[in-house]
């Protein structure tokens, strides 16, 4: 048998049928996707194919059972495991270690993925310590968003059969859209916590190095994480019937506000669609209106928040508002 650069295919059950299905068609998840040829592959190659497919099955298990998936992945990955999403665009490039991979694949996906998410393996190729798997996914997110993607996953194993490296080639544009929805949910959850004066809940969404800045002609460094939590906790005492409403400016007619999502410390949140939001990559811009009272003086302000969200945490908040009105209300002037 000639080895060289010839990559021998390990046909998968139903592969021929799967290849004939359009990428956007509905499909069911596979339960036994890997049946490598025993006549063409070495024992090590057979072992690596099974391990690669087991790794994907652990990923899928994590969609509904993060703890169980994490336990399986922990036993499959080498201690010096690394994973990469290759791209020439550095704002989309990601490199992580074993702990980072397990967290993202298990906890993060379980938090975002809803029931009914499915996948299909189309083909597997194997040579020596490398296994490449072509796969489709159709994911239902918990916010109602549906996303589909196509992957070519390249795995490399060590001599003991532990997964040493994973490279995930995928449609990064679809990934950006997925991140955009997730980042929007994080920013809205933060505003919900602010309106309720729930500093601890807001703090869980803030990175350790976060800065909350109110841009003015006299630049200031902004609040750090600890100060932000303290300020948010003080809102219920400082403002009565305080609320934040995210809205679409086109729905405003005179004094009539057409809210789409309202957050307050005196009524439940209304998690509806929010057209007053713009998001791209790690940026989320949200226009909002606050109402309340401070020591009997009415307070109503408009805001444009610009959030920077990376890896599930808020790293920067820029809060544009009517600073003069805020100062007058707080001073009683």
C-alpha atoms as a PDB file:
ATOM      1  CA  UNK A   1       0.000   0.000   0.000  1.00  0.00           C
ATOM      2  CA  UNK A   2       1.384   3.390  -0.966  1.00  0.00           C
ATOM      3  CA  UNK A   3       1.335   5.761   1.974  1.00  0.00           C
ATOM      4  CA  UNK A   4       2.873   9.127   1.138  1.00  0.00           C
ATOM      5  CA  UNK A   5       0.094  11.769   1.021  1.00  0.00           C
ATOM      6  CA  UNK A   6      -2.707   9.397   0.068  1.00  0.00           C
ATOM      7  CA  UNK A   7      -5.549   9.916   2.565  1.00  0.00           C
ATOM      8  CA  UNK A   8      -7.786   6.896   2.894  1.00  0.00           C
ATOM      9  CA  UNK A   9     -11.482   7.489   3.488  1.00  0.00           C
ATOM     10  CA  UNK A  10     -13.405   5.842   6.308  1.00  0.00           C
ATOM     11  CA  UNK A  11     -16.986   5.738   4.957  1.00  0.00           C
ATOM     12  CA  UNK A  12     -19.639   6.534   7.559  1.00  0.00           C
ATOM     13  CA  UNK A  13     -23.082   5.011   7.871  1.00  0.00           C
ATOM     14  CA  UNK A  14     -25.575   6.836   5.656  1.00  0.00           C
ATOM     15  CA  UNK A  15     -22.805   9.014   4.187  1.00  0.00           C
ATOM     16  CA  UNK A  16     -24.025   8.614   0.613  1.00  0.00           C
ATOM     17  CA  UNK A  17     -27.550   9.563   1.590  1.00  0.00           C
ATOM     18  CA  UNK A  18     -26.359  12.512   3.656  1.00  0.00           C
ATOM     19  CA  UNK A  19     -24.299  13.916   0.823  1.00  0.00           C
ATOM     20  CA  UNK A  20     -27.419  14.073  -1.334  1.00  0.00           C
ATOM     21  CA  UNK A  21     -29.334  16.177   1.196  1.00  0.00           C
ATOM     22  CA  UNK A  22     -29.269  19.984   0.661  1.00  0.00           C
ATOM     23  CA  UNK A  23     -27.354  21.886   3.336  1.00  0.00           C
ATOM     24  CA  UNK A  24     -30.476  23.662   4.566  1.00  0.00           C
ATOM     25  CA  UNK A  25     -32.721  20.618   4.765  1.00  0.00           C
ATOM     26  CA  UNK A  26     -34.002  19.401   8.106  1.00  0.00           C
ATOM     27  CA  UNK A  27     -32.240  16.358   9.456  1.00  0.00           C
ATOM     28  CA  UNK A  28     -31.997  14.142  12.498  1.00  0.00           C
ATOM     29  CA  UNK A  29     -28.899  13.606  14.616  1.00  0.00           C
ATOM     30  CA  UNK A  30     -26.860  10.471  14.115  1.00  0.00           C
ATOM     31  CA  UNK A  31     -26.292   8.099  16.999  1.00  0.00           C
ATOM     32  CA  UNK A  32     -23.668   5.811  15.437  1.00  0.00           C
ATOM     33  CA  UNK A  33     -21.843   7.917  12.813  1.00  0.00           C
ATOM     34  CA  UNK A  34     -18.493   6.098  12.784  1.00  0.00           C
ATOM     35  CA  UNK A  35     -17.873   2.726  11.185  1.00  0.00           C
ATOM     36  CA  UNK A  36     -14.310   2.827   9.870  1.00  0.00           C
ATOM     37  CA  UNK A  37     -13.036   0.174   7.524  1.00  0.00           C
ATOM     38  CA  UNK A  38     -11.102  -2.540   9.356  1.00  0.00           C
ATOM     39  CA  UNK A  39      -9.284  -3.655   6.205  1.00  0.00           C
ATOM     40  CA  UNK A  40      -7.711  -0.371   5.148  1.00  0.00           C
ATOM     41  CA  UNK A  41      -6.843   1.326   8.437  1.00  0.00           C
ATOM     42  CA  UNK A  42      -4.211   0.502  11.004  1.00  0.00           C
ATOM     43  CA  UNK A  43      -5.326  -0.168  14.563  1.00  0.00           C
ATOM     44  CA  UNK A  44      -4.110   3.261  15.627  1.00  0.00           C
ATOM     45  CA  UNK A  45      -6.063   4.901  12.813  1.00  0.00           C
ATOM     46  CA  UNK A  46      -9.231   2.981  13.724  1.00  0.00           C
ATOM     47  CA  UNK A  47      -8.786   4.042  17.332  1.00  0.00           C
ATOM     48  CA  UNK A  48      -8.324   7.694  16.332  1.00  0.00           C
ATOM     49  CA  UNK A  49     -11.426   7.721  14.124  1.00  0.00           C
ATOM     50  CA  UNK A  50     -13.556   6.294  16.929  1.00  0.00           C
ATOM     51  CA  UNK A  51     -12.078   8.809  19.377  1.00  0.00           C
ATOM     52  CA  UNK A  52     -12.773  11.731  17.035  1.00  0.00           C
ATOM     53  CA  UNK A  53     -16.393  10.674  16.586  1.00  0.00           C
ATOM     54  CA  UNK A  54     -16.752  10.113  20.333  1.00  0.00           C
ATOM     55  CA  UNK A  55     -15.508  13.660  20.859  1.00  0.00           C
ATOM     56  CA  UNK A  56     -18.270  14.993  18.601  1.00  0.00           C
ATOM     57  CA  UNK A  57     -20.846  12.872  20.431  1.00  0.00           C
ATOM     58  CA  UNK A  58     -19.621  14.387  23.741  1.00  0.00           C
ATOM     59  CA  UNK A  59     -20.097  17.845  22.223  1.00  0.00           C
ATOM     60  CA  UNK A  60     -23.676  16.995  21.274  1.00  0.00           C
ATOM     61  CA  UNK A  61     -24.361  15.508  24.718  1.00  0.00           C
ATOM     62  CA  UNK A  62     -23.237  18.829  26.206  1.00  0.00           C
ATOM     63  CA  UNK A  63     -26.089  20.661  24.482  1.00  0.00           C
ATOM     64  CA  UNK A  64     -28.414  19.192  27.124  1.00  0.00           C
ATOM     65  CA  UNK A  65     -25.979  17.758  29.688  1.00  0.00           C
ATOM     66  CA  UNK A  66     -23.018  20.075  30.168  1.00  0.00           C
ATOM     67  CA  UNK A  67     -21.597  18.191  33.161  1.00  0.00           C
ATOM     68  CA  UNK A  68     -21.750  14.803  31.435  1.00  0.00           C
ATOM     69  CA  UNK A  69     -20.198  16.148  28.265  1.00  0.00           C
ATOM     70  CA  UNK A  70     -17.435  17.865  30.222  1.00  0.00           C
ATOM     71  CA  UNK A  71     -16.529  14.618  32.014  1.00  0.00           C
ATOM     72  CA  UNK A  72     -16.219  12.764  28.711  1.00  0.00           C
ATOM     73  CA  UNK A  73     -14.187  15.502  27.062  1.00  0.00           C
ATOM     74  CA  UNK A  74     -11.879  15.750  30.066  1.00  0.00           C
ATOM     75  CA  UNK A  75     -10.899  12.108  29.614  1.00  0.00           C
ATOM     76  CA  UNK A  76     -10.353  12.428  25.863  1.00  0.00           C
ATOM     77  CA  UNK A  77      -8.119  15.494  25.700  1.00  0.00           C
ATOM     78  CA  UNK A  78      -4.403  15.542  26.377  1.00  0.00           C
ATOM     79  CA  UNK A  79      -3.265  17.904  29.129  1.00  0.00           C
ATOM     80  CA  UNK A  80      -1.414  20.009  26.550  1.00  0.00           C
ATOM     81  CA  UNK A  81      -4.405  20.050  24.171  1.00  0.00           C
ATOM     82  CA  UNK A  82      -4.904  23.161  22.010  1.00  0.00           C
ATOM     83  CA  UNK A  83      -7.688  24.206  19.663  1.00  0.00           C
ATOM     84  CA  UNK A  84      -7.852  26.821  16.949  1.00  0.00           C
ATOM     85  CA  UNK A  85     -10.465  28.428  14.729  1.00  0.00           C
ATOM     86  CA  UNK A  86      -8.203  29.323  11.780  1.00  0.00           C
ATOM     87  CA  UNK A  87      -8.790  32.614   9.943  1.00  0.00           C
ATOM     88  CA  UNK A  88      -6.702  35.472   8.624  1.00  0.00           C
ATOM     89  CA  UNK A  89      -9.047  37.941  10.361  1.00  0.00           C
ATOM     90  CA  UNK A  90      -7.538  38.364  13.818  1.00  0.00           C
ATOM     91  CA  UNK A  91     -10.752  39.617  15.399  1.00  0.00           C
ATOM     92  CA  UNK A  92     -12.300  36.227  14.568  1.00  0.00           C
ATOM     93  CA  UNK A  93      -9.265  34.050  15.319  1.00  0.00           C
ATOM     94  CA  UNK A  94      -9.379  32.013  18.508  1.00  0.00           C
ATOM     95  CA  UNK A  95      -6.834  29.782  20.199  1.00  0.00           C
ATOM     96  CA  UNK A  96      -7.574  28.008  23.461  1.00  0.00           C
ATOM     97  CA  UNK A  97      -6.318  25.343  25.849  1.00  0.00           C
ATOM     98  CA  UNK A  98      -8.038  22.303  27.353  1.00  0.00           C
ATOM     99  CA  UNK A  99      -9.971  24.182  30.040  1.00  0.00           C
ATOM    100  CA  UNK A 100     -11.111  26.875  27.608  1.00  0.00           C
ATOM    101  CA  UNK A 101     -12.275  24.292  25.079  1.00  0.00           C
ATOM    102  CA  UNK A 102     -14.260  22.266  27.608  1.00  0.00           C
ATOM    103  CA  UNK A 103     -15.981  25.387  28.968  1.00  0.00           C
ATOM    104  CA  UNK A 104     -16.922  26.691  25.527  1.00  0.00           C
ATOM    105  CA  UNK A 105     -18.075  23.333  24.209  1.00  0.00           C
ATOM    106  CA  UNK A 106     -20.094  22.354  27.284  1.00  0.00           C
ATOM    107  CA  UNK A 107     -21.299  25.135  29.589  1.00  0.00           C
ATOM    108  CA  UNK A 108     -21.460  27.898  26.981  1.00  0.00           C
ATOM    109  CA  UNK A 109     -23.319  25.789  24.424  1.00  0.00           C
ATOM    110  CA  UNK A 110     -25.721  24.346  26.997  1.00  0.00           C
ATOM    111  CA  UNK A 111     -26.593  27.907  28.019  1.00  0.00           C
ATOM    112  CA  UNK A 112     -27.381  28.880  24.430  1.00  0.00           C
ATOM    113  CA  UNK A 113     -28.645  25.778  22.598  1.00  0.00           C
ATOM    114  CA  UNK A 114     -32.305  24.743  22.718  1.00  0.00           C
ATOM    115  CA  UNK A 115     -33.854  21.344  22.116  1.00  0.00           C
ATOM    116  CA  UNK A 116     -34.127  20.232  18.524  1.00  0.00           C
ATOM    117  CA  UNK A 117     -30.554  21.119  17.553  1.00  0.00           C
ATOM    118  CA  UNK A 118     -29.101  18.507  15.204  1.00  0.00           C
ATOM    119  CA  UNK A 119     -25.943  17.542  13.347  1.00  0.00           C
ATOM    120  CA  UNK A 120     -24.813  15.283  10.527  1.00  0.00           C
ATOM    121  CA  UNK A 121     -21.409  13.855   9.752  1.00  0.00           C
ATOM    122  CA  UNK A 122     -20.819  13.699   6.009  1.00  0.00           C
ATOM    123  CA  UNK A 123     -17.388  12.141   5.645  1.00  0.00           C
ATOM    124  CA  UNK A 124     -14.239  11.198   7.500  1.00  0.00           C
ATOM    125  CA  UNK A 125     -10.656  10.936   6.284  1.00  0.00           C
ATOM    126  CA  UNK A 126      -7.773   9.573   8.298  1.00  0.00           C
ATOM    127  CA  UNK A 127      -4.014   9.235   7.993  1.00  0.00           C
ATOM    128  CA  UNK A 128      -1.603   8.338  10.788  1.00  0.00           C
ATOM    129  CA  UNK A 129      -2.300  10.685  13.721  1.00  0.00           C
ATOM    130  CA  UNK A 130      -4.807  12.916  11.852  1.00  0.00           C
ATOM    131  CA  UNK A 131      -8.571  12.616  11.431  1.00  0.00           C
ATOM    132  CA  UNK A 132     -10.644  15.089   9.410  1.00  0.00           C
ATOM    133  CA  UNK A 133     -14.445  15.140   9.696  1.00  0.00           C
ATOM    134  CA  UNK A 134     -16.868  17.059   7.507  1.00  0.00           C
ATOM    135  CA  UNK A 135     -20.062  17.930   9.370  1.00  0.00           C
ATOM    136  CA  UNK A 136     -23.283  19.939   9.160  1.00  0.00           C
ATOM    137  CA  UNK A 137     -25.145  21.450  12.103  1.00  0.00           C
ATOM    138  CA  UNK A 138     -28.572  23.029  12.527  1.00  0.00           C
ATOM    139  CA  UNK A 139     -28.761  24.813  15.875  1.00  0.00           C
ATOM    140  CA  UNK A 140     -31.802  26.226  17.658  1.00  0.00           C
ATOM    141  CA  UNK A 141     -30.768  28.965  20.087  1.00  0.00           C
ATOM    142  CA  UNK A 142     -32.781  29.648  23.229  1.00  0.00           C
ATOM    143  CA  UNK A 143     -33.648  33.165  22.019  1.00  0.00           C
ATOM    144  CA  UNK A 144     -35.474  31.622  19.040  1.00  0.00           C
ATOM    145  CA  UNK A 145     -32.662  32.210  16.546  1.00  0.00           C
ATOM    146  CA  UNK A 146     -31.821  29.360  14.165  1.00  0.00           C
ATOM    147  CA  UNK A 147     -28.343  28.971  12.723  1.00  0.00           C
ATOM    148  CA  UNK A 148     -26.791  26.444  10.347  1.00  0.00           C
ATOM    149  CA  UNK A 149     -23.145  25.826   9.646  1.00  0.00           C
ATOM    150  CA  UNK A 150     -20.795  23.492   7.812  1.00  0.00           C
ATOM    151  CA  UNK A 151     -17.508  22.368   9.350  1.00  0.00           C
ATOM    152  CA  UNK A 152     -14.331  20.553   8.517  1.00  0.00           C
ATOM    153  CA  UNK A 153     -12.801  19.490  11.809  1.00  0.00           C
ATOM    154  CA  UNK A 154      -9.152  18.462  11.828  1.00  0.00           C
ATOM    155  CA  UNK A 155      -8.040  16.390  14.829  1.00  0.00           C
ATOM    156  CA  UNK A 156      -4.508  15.300  15.761  1.00  0.00           C
ATOM    157  CA  UNK A 157      -3.842  12.560  18.319  1.00  0.00           C
ATOM    158  CA  UNK A 158      -0.821  11.601  20.409  1.00  0.00           C
ATOM    159  CA  UNK A 159       0.653   8.100  20.606  1.00  0.00           C
ATOM    160  CA  UNK A 160      -1.717   7.170  23.451  1.00  0.00           C
ATOM    161  CA  UNK A 161      -4.834   8.114  21.523  1.00  0.00           C
ATOM    162  CA  UNK A 162      -5.422  11.374  23.420  1.00  0.00           C
ATOM    163  CA  UNK A 163      -6.665  14.336  21.401  1.00  0.00           C
ATOM    164  CA  UNK A 164      -3.717  16.700  21.080  1.00  0.00           C
ATOM    165  CA  UNK A 165      -5.066  19.385  18.752  1.00  0.00           C
ATOM    166  CA  UNK A 166      -8.342  20.403  17.124  1.00  0.00           C
ATOM    167  CA  UNK A 167      -8.710  22.852  14.256  1.00  0.00           C
ATOM    168  CA  UNK A 168     -12.268  23.931  13.490  1.00  0.00           C
ATOM    169  CA  UNK A 169     -12.742  25.233   9.956  1.00  0.00           C
ATOM    170  CA  UNK A 170     -16.231  26.671   9.560  1.00  0.00           C
ATOM    171  CA  UNK A 171     -18.343  29.419   8.048  1.00  0.00           C
ATOM    172  CA  UNK A 172     -17.064  32.245  10.250  1.00  0.00           C
ATOM    173  CA  UNK A 173     -19.747  34.622   8.971  1.00  0.00           C
ATOM    174  CA  UNK A 174     -22.376  32.339  10.517  1.00  0.00           C
ATOM    175  CA  UNK A 175     -20.341  32.251  13.717  1.00  0.00           C
ATOM    176  CA  UNK A 176     -20.237  36.051  13.829  1.00  0.00           C
ATOM    177  CA  UNK A 177     -24.027  36.162  13.520  1.00  0.00           C
ATOM    178  CA  UNK A 178     -24.289  33.647  16.346  1.00  0.00           C
ATOM    179  CA  UNK A 179     -21.944  35.718  18.520  1.00  0.00           C
ATOM    180  CA  UNK A 180     -23.941  38.838  17.701  1.00  0.00           C
ATOM    181  CA  UNK A 181     -27.125  37.326  19.124  1.00  0.00           C
ATOM    182  CA  UNK A 182     -25.307  36.066  22.227  1.00  0.00           C
ATOM    183  CA  UNK A 183     -23.618  39.430  22.828  1.00  0.00           C
ATOM    184  CA  UNK A 184     -26.965  41.223  22.513  1.00  0.00           C
ATOM    185  CA  UNK A 185     -28.507  38.950  25.140  1.00  0.00           C
ATOM    186  CA  UNK A 186     -25.619  39.693  27.503  1.00  0.00           C
ATOM    187  CA  UNK A 187     -25.947  43.466  27.055  1.00  0.00           C
ATOM    188  CA  UNK A 188     -29.723  43.348  27.605  1.00  0.00           C
ATOM    189  CA  UNK A 189     -29.304  41.145  30.665  1.00  0.00           C
ATOM    190  CA  UNK A 190     -26.915  43.732  32.077  1.00  0.00           C
ATOM    191  CA  UNK A 191     -29.467  46.546  31.586  1.00  0.00           C
ATOM    192  CA  UNK A 192     -32.104  44.363  33.229  1.00  0.00           C
ATOM    193  CA  UNK A 193     -29.830  43.993  36.267  1.00  0.00           C
ATOM    194  CA  UNK A 194     -29.120  47.735  36.313  1.00  0.00           C
ATOM    195  CA  UNK A 195     -32.820  48.625  36.322  1.00  0.00           C
ATOM    196  CA  UNK A 196     -33.467  46.210  39.187  1.00  0.00           C
ATOM    197  CA  UNK A 197     -30.499  47.443  41.200  1.00  0.00           C
ATOM    198  CA  UNK A 198     -29.067  43.910  41.114  1.00  0.00           C
ATOM    199  CA  UNK A 199     -25.345  44.622  41.320  1.00  0.00           C
ATOM    200  CA  UNK A 200     -24.299  41.033  41.930  1.00  0.00           C
ATOM    201  CA  UNK A 201     -26.208  39.803  38.869  1.00  0.00           C
ATOM    202  CA  UNK A 202     -24.710  42.591  36.764  1.00  0.00           C
ATOM    203  CA  UNK A 203     -21.235  41.816  38.104  1.00  0.00           C
ATOM    204  CA  UNK A 204     -21.395  38.274  36.756  1.00  0.00           C
ATOM    205  CA  UNK A 205     -21.595  39.760  33.263  1.00  0.00           C
ATOM    206  CA  UNK A 206     -18.599  42.067  33.703  1.00  0.00           C
ATOM    207  CA  UNK A 207     -14.993  41.174  32.967  1.00  0.00           C
ATOM    208  CA  UNK A 208     -12.436  41.835  35.688  1.00  0.00           C
ATOM    209  CA  UNK A 209     -10.859  44.613  33.603  1.00  0.00           C
ATOM    210  CA  UNK A 210     -14.149  46.257  32.607  1.00  0.00           C
ATOM    211  CA  UNK A 211     -14.450  50.029  32.360  1.00  0.00           C
ATOM    212  CA  UNK A 212     -17.815  51.842  32.443  1.00  0.00           C
ATOM    213  CA  UNK A 213     -17.250  55.236  30.854  1.00  0.00           C
ATOM    214  CA  UNK A 214     -19.515  58.265  30.465  1.00  0.00           C
ATOM    215  CA  UNK A 215     -17.792  60.158  27.628  1.00  0.00           C
ATOM    216  CA  UNK A 216     -17.575  63.909  28.274  1.00  0.00           C
ATOM    217  CA  UNK A 217     -15.385  66.833  27.223  1.00  0.00           C
ATOM    218  CA  UNK A 218     -13.451  66.192  30.447  1.00  0.00           C
ATOM    219  CA  UNK A 219     -12.387  62.539  29.966  1.00  0.00           C
ATOM    220  CA  UNK A 220     -12.366  60.324  33.052  1.00  0.00           C
ATOM    221  CA  UNK A 221     -11.113  56.742  33.432  1.00  0.00           C
ATOM    222  CA  UNK A 222     -14.586  55.368  34.194  1.00  0.00           C
ATOM    223  CA  UNK A 223     -15.827  52.928  36.798  1.00  0.00           C
ATOM    224  CA  UNK A 224     -14.117  49.633  37.452  1.00  0.00           C
ATOM    225  CA  UNK A 225     -16.025  46.417  38.168  1.00  0.00           C
ATOM    226  CA  UNK A 226     -16.262  46.857  41.955  1.00  0.00           C
ATOM    227  CA  UNK A 227     -17.472  50.454  41.665  1.00  0.00           C
ATOM    228  CA  UNK A 228     -20.021  49.517  39.006  1.00  0.00           C
ATOM    229  CA  UNK A 229     -21.516  46.818  41.251  1.00  0.00           C
ATOM    230  CA  UNK A 230     -21.716  49.295  44.147  1.00  0.00           C
ATOM    231  CA  UNK A 231     -23.397  51.956  42.000  1.00  0.00           C
ATOM    232  CA  UNK A 232     -25.958  49.499  40.611  1.00  0.00           C
ATOM    233  CA  UNK A 233     -26.813  48.231  44.090  1.00  0.00           C
ATOM    234  CA  UNK A 234     -27.522  51.831  45.119  1.00  0.00           C
ATOM    235  CA  UNK A 235     -30.033  52.583  42.353  1.00  0.00           C
ATOM    236  CA  UNK A 236     -33.197  51.425  44.233  1.00  0.00           C
ATOM    237  CA  UNK A 237     -32.357  53.697  47.170  1.00  0.00           C
ATOM    238  CA  UNK A 238     -31.435  56.653  44.960  1.00  0.00           C
ATOM    239  CA  UNK A 239     -34.276  56.475  42.439  1.00  0.00           C
ATOM    240  CA  UNK A 240     -37.918  55.595  42.991  1.00  0.00           C
ATOM    241  CA  UNK A 241     -39.832  53.569  40.372  1.00  0.00           C
ATOM    242  CA  UNK A 242     -36.759  53.498  38.175  1.00  0.00           C
ATOM    243  CA  UNK A 243     -37.127  51.836  34.764  1.00  0.00           C
ATOM    244  CA  UNK A 244     -35.147  51.400  31.585  1.00  0.00           C
ATOM    245  CA  UNK A 245     -36.892  50.945  28.263  1.00  0.00           C
ATOM    246  CA  UNK A 246     -35.139  49.838  25.094  1.00  0.00           C
ATOM    247  CA  UNK A 247     -36.973  51.174  22.083  1.00  0.00           C
ATOM    248  CA  UNK A 248     -37.013  51.907  18.383  1.00  0.00           C
ATOM    249  CA  UNK A 249     -36.905  55.663  17.747  1.00  0.00           C
ATOM    250  CA  UNK A 250     -39.290  55.314  14.799  1.00  0.00           C
ATOM    251  CA  UNK A 251     -42.018  54.269  17.232  1.00  0.00           C
ATOM    252  CA  UNK A 252     -41.784  57.539  19.186  1.00  0.00           C
ATOM    253  CA  UNK A 253     -44.596  59.994  18.458  1.00  0.00           C
ATOM    254  CA  UNK A 254     -44.473  63.087  20.633  1.00  0.00           C
ATOM    255  CA  UNK A 255     -44.520  61.931  24.244  1.00  0.00           C
ATOM    256  CA  UNK A 256     -45.911  58.507  23.397  1.00  0.00           C
ATOM    257  CA  UNK A 257     -43.281  55.825  23.847  1.00  0.00           C
ATOM    258  CA  UNK A 258     -43.736  52.513  22.107  1.00  0.00           C
ATOM    259  CA  UNK A 259     -41.518  50.226  24.207  1.00  0.00           C
ATOM    260  CA  UNK A 260     -40.425  46.831  22.975  1.00  0.00           C
ATOM    261  CA  UNK A 261     -38.449  45.756  26.031  1.00  0.00           C
ATOM    262  CA  UNK A 262     -38.900  47.326  29.470  1.00  0.00           C
ATOM    263  CA  UNK A 263     -36.799  46.686  32.564  1.00  0.00           C
ATOM    264  CA  UNK A 264     -37.593  48.123  35.966  1.00  0.00           C
ATOM    265  CA  UNK A 265     -37.318  47.558  39.715  1.00  0.00           C
ATOM    266  CA  UNK A 266     -41.084  47.732  40.137  1.00  0.00           C
ATOM    267  CA  UNK A 267     -42.449  45.510  37.362  1.00  0.00           C
ATOM    268  CA  UNK A 268     -41.372  42.281  35.607  1.00  0.00           C
ATOM    269  CA  UNK A 269     -39.152  42.373  32.561  1.00  0.00           C
ATOM    270  CA  UNK A 270     -40.770  41.968  29.168  1.00  0.00           C
ATOM    271  CA  UNK A 271     -38.271  39.953  27.067  1.00  0.00           C
ATOM    272  CA  UNK A 272     -39.672  40.747  23.627  1.00  0.00           C
ATOM    273  CA  UNK A 273     -37.938  41.520  20.350  1.00  0.00           C
ATOM    274  CA  UNK A 274     -35.761  44.615  20.553  1.00  0.00           C
ATOM    275  CA  UNK A 275     -35.438  46.599  17.311  1.00  0.00           C
ATOM    276  CA  UNK A 276     -33.620  49.452  19.095  1.00  0.00           C
ATOM    277  CA  UNK A 277     -30.412  47.430  19.087  1.00  0.00           C
ATOM    278  CA  UNK A 278     -27.535  47.282  16.618  1.00  0.00           C
ATOM    279  CA  UNK A 279     -24.839  44.630  16.973  1.00  0.00           C
ATOM    280  CA  UNK A 280     -21.775  43.643  14.995  1.00  0.00           C
ATOM    281  CA  UNK A 281     -18.916  41.357  16.024  1.00  0.00           C
ATOM    282  CA  UNK A 282     -18.033  42.331  19.624  1.00  0.00           C
ATOM    283  CA  UNK A 283     -20.033  45.602  19.657  1.00  0.00           C
ATOM    284  CA  UNK A 284     -23.641  46.082  20.798  1.00  0.00           C
ATOM    285  CA  UNK A 285     -25.304  49.515  20.622  1.00  0.00           C
ATOM    286  CA  UNK A 286     -28.540  49.978  22.578  1.00  0.00           C
ATOM    287  CA  UNK A 287     -30.757  53.068  22.772  1.00  0.00           C
ATOM    288  CA  UNK A 288     -32.763  53.345  25.977  1.00  0.00           C
ATOM    289  CA  UNK A 289     -34.982  55.637  28.001  1.00  0.00           C
ATOM    290  CA  UNK A 290     -34.962  55.847  31.808  1.00  0.00           C
ATOM    291  CA  UNK A 291     -37.763  57.079  34.021  1.00  0.00           C
ATOM    292  CA  UNK A 292     -37.961  57.517  37.758  1.00  0.00           C
ATOM    293  CA  UNK A 293     -37.716  60.069  40.532  1.00  0.00           C
ATOM    294  CA  UNK A 294     -34.936  61.274  42.828  1.00  0.00           C
ATOM    295  CA  UNK A 295     -36.061  62.916  46.086  1.00  0.00           C
ATOM    296  CA  UNK A 296     -39.375  63.792  44.476  1.00  0.00           C
ATOM    297  CA  UNK A 297     -37.787  65.281  41.369  1.00  0.00           C
ATOM    298  CA  UNK A 298     -38.749  63.607  38.082  1.00  0.00           C
ATOM    299  CA  UNK A 299     -35.923  61.979  36.177  1.00  0.00           C
ATOM    300  CA  UNK A 300     -36.176  61.020  32.541  1.00  0.00           C
ATOM    301  CA  UNK A 301     -33.077  60.509  30.439  1.00  0.00           C
ATOM    302  CA  UNK A 302     -32.139  59.058  27.084  1.00  0.00           C
ATOM    303  CA  UNK A 303     -29.102  56.875  26.583  1.00  0.00           C
ATOM    304  CA  UNK A 304     -27.014  55.321  23.884  1.00  0.00           C
ATOM    305  CA  UNK A 305     -25.003  52.456  25.351  1.00  0.00           C
ATOM    306  CA  UNK A 306     -22.095  50.948  23.447  1.00  0.00           C
ATOM    307  CA  UNK A 307     -21.004  47.586  24.853  1.00  0.00           C
ATOM    308  CA  UNK A 308     -17.857  45.660  23.984  1.00  0.00           C
ATOM    309  CA  UNK A 309     -18.519  41.963  24.647  1.00  0.00           C
ATOM    310  CA  UNK A 310     -15.934  39.224  24.262  1.00  0.00           C
ATOM    311  CA  UNK A 311     -15.994  35.597  25.377  1.00  0.00           C
ATOM    312  CA  UNK A 312     -19.307  36.039  27.173  1.00  0.00           C
ATOM    313  CA  UNK A 313     -18.308  39.046  29.310  1.00  0.00           C
ATOM    314  CA  UNK A 314     -18.633  42.813  28.997  1.00  0.00           C
ATOM    315  CA  UNK A 315     -15.212  44.472  28.740  1.00  0.00           C
ATOM    316  CA  UNK A 316     -16.291  48.065  28.150  1.00  0.00           C
ATOM    317  CA  UNK A 317     -19.427  50.188  28.473  1.00  0.00           C
ATOM    318  CA  UNK A 318     -19.737  53.649  26.986  1.00  0.00           C
ATOM    319  CA  UNK A 319     -22.839  55.409  28.277  1.00  0.00           C
ATOM    320  CA  UNK A 320     -23.899  58.520  26.337  1.00  0.00           C
ATOM    321  CA  UNK A 321     -26.691  60.480  28.044  1.00  0.00           C
ATOM    322  CA  UNK A 322     -27.958  63.942  28.923  1.00  0.00           C
ATOM    323  CA  UNK A 323     -25.331  64.592  31.602  1.00  0.00           C
ATOM    324  CA  UNK A 324     -26.662  68.065  32.398  1.00  0.00           C
ATOM    325  CA  UNK A 325     -30.135  66.735  33.191  1.00  0.00           C
ATOM    326  CA  UNK A 326     -28.651  64.043  35.436  1.00  0.00           C
ATOM    327  CA  UNK A 327     -26.538  66.618  37.299  1.00  0.00           C
ATOM    328  CA  UNK A 328     -29.531  68.915  37.789  1.00  0.00           C
ATOM    329  CA  UNK A 329     -31.697  66.135  39.175  1.00  0.00           C
ATOM    330  CA  UNK A 330     -29.027  64.882  41.573  1.00  0.00           C
ATOM    331  CA  UNK A 331     -28.172  68.412  42.796  1.00  0.00           C
ATOM    332  CA  UNK A 332     -31.790  69.500  43.064  1.00  0.00           C
ATOM    333  CA  UNK A 333     -31.023  72.462  40.830  1.00  0.00           C
END
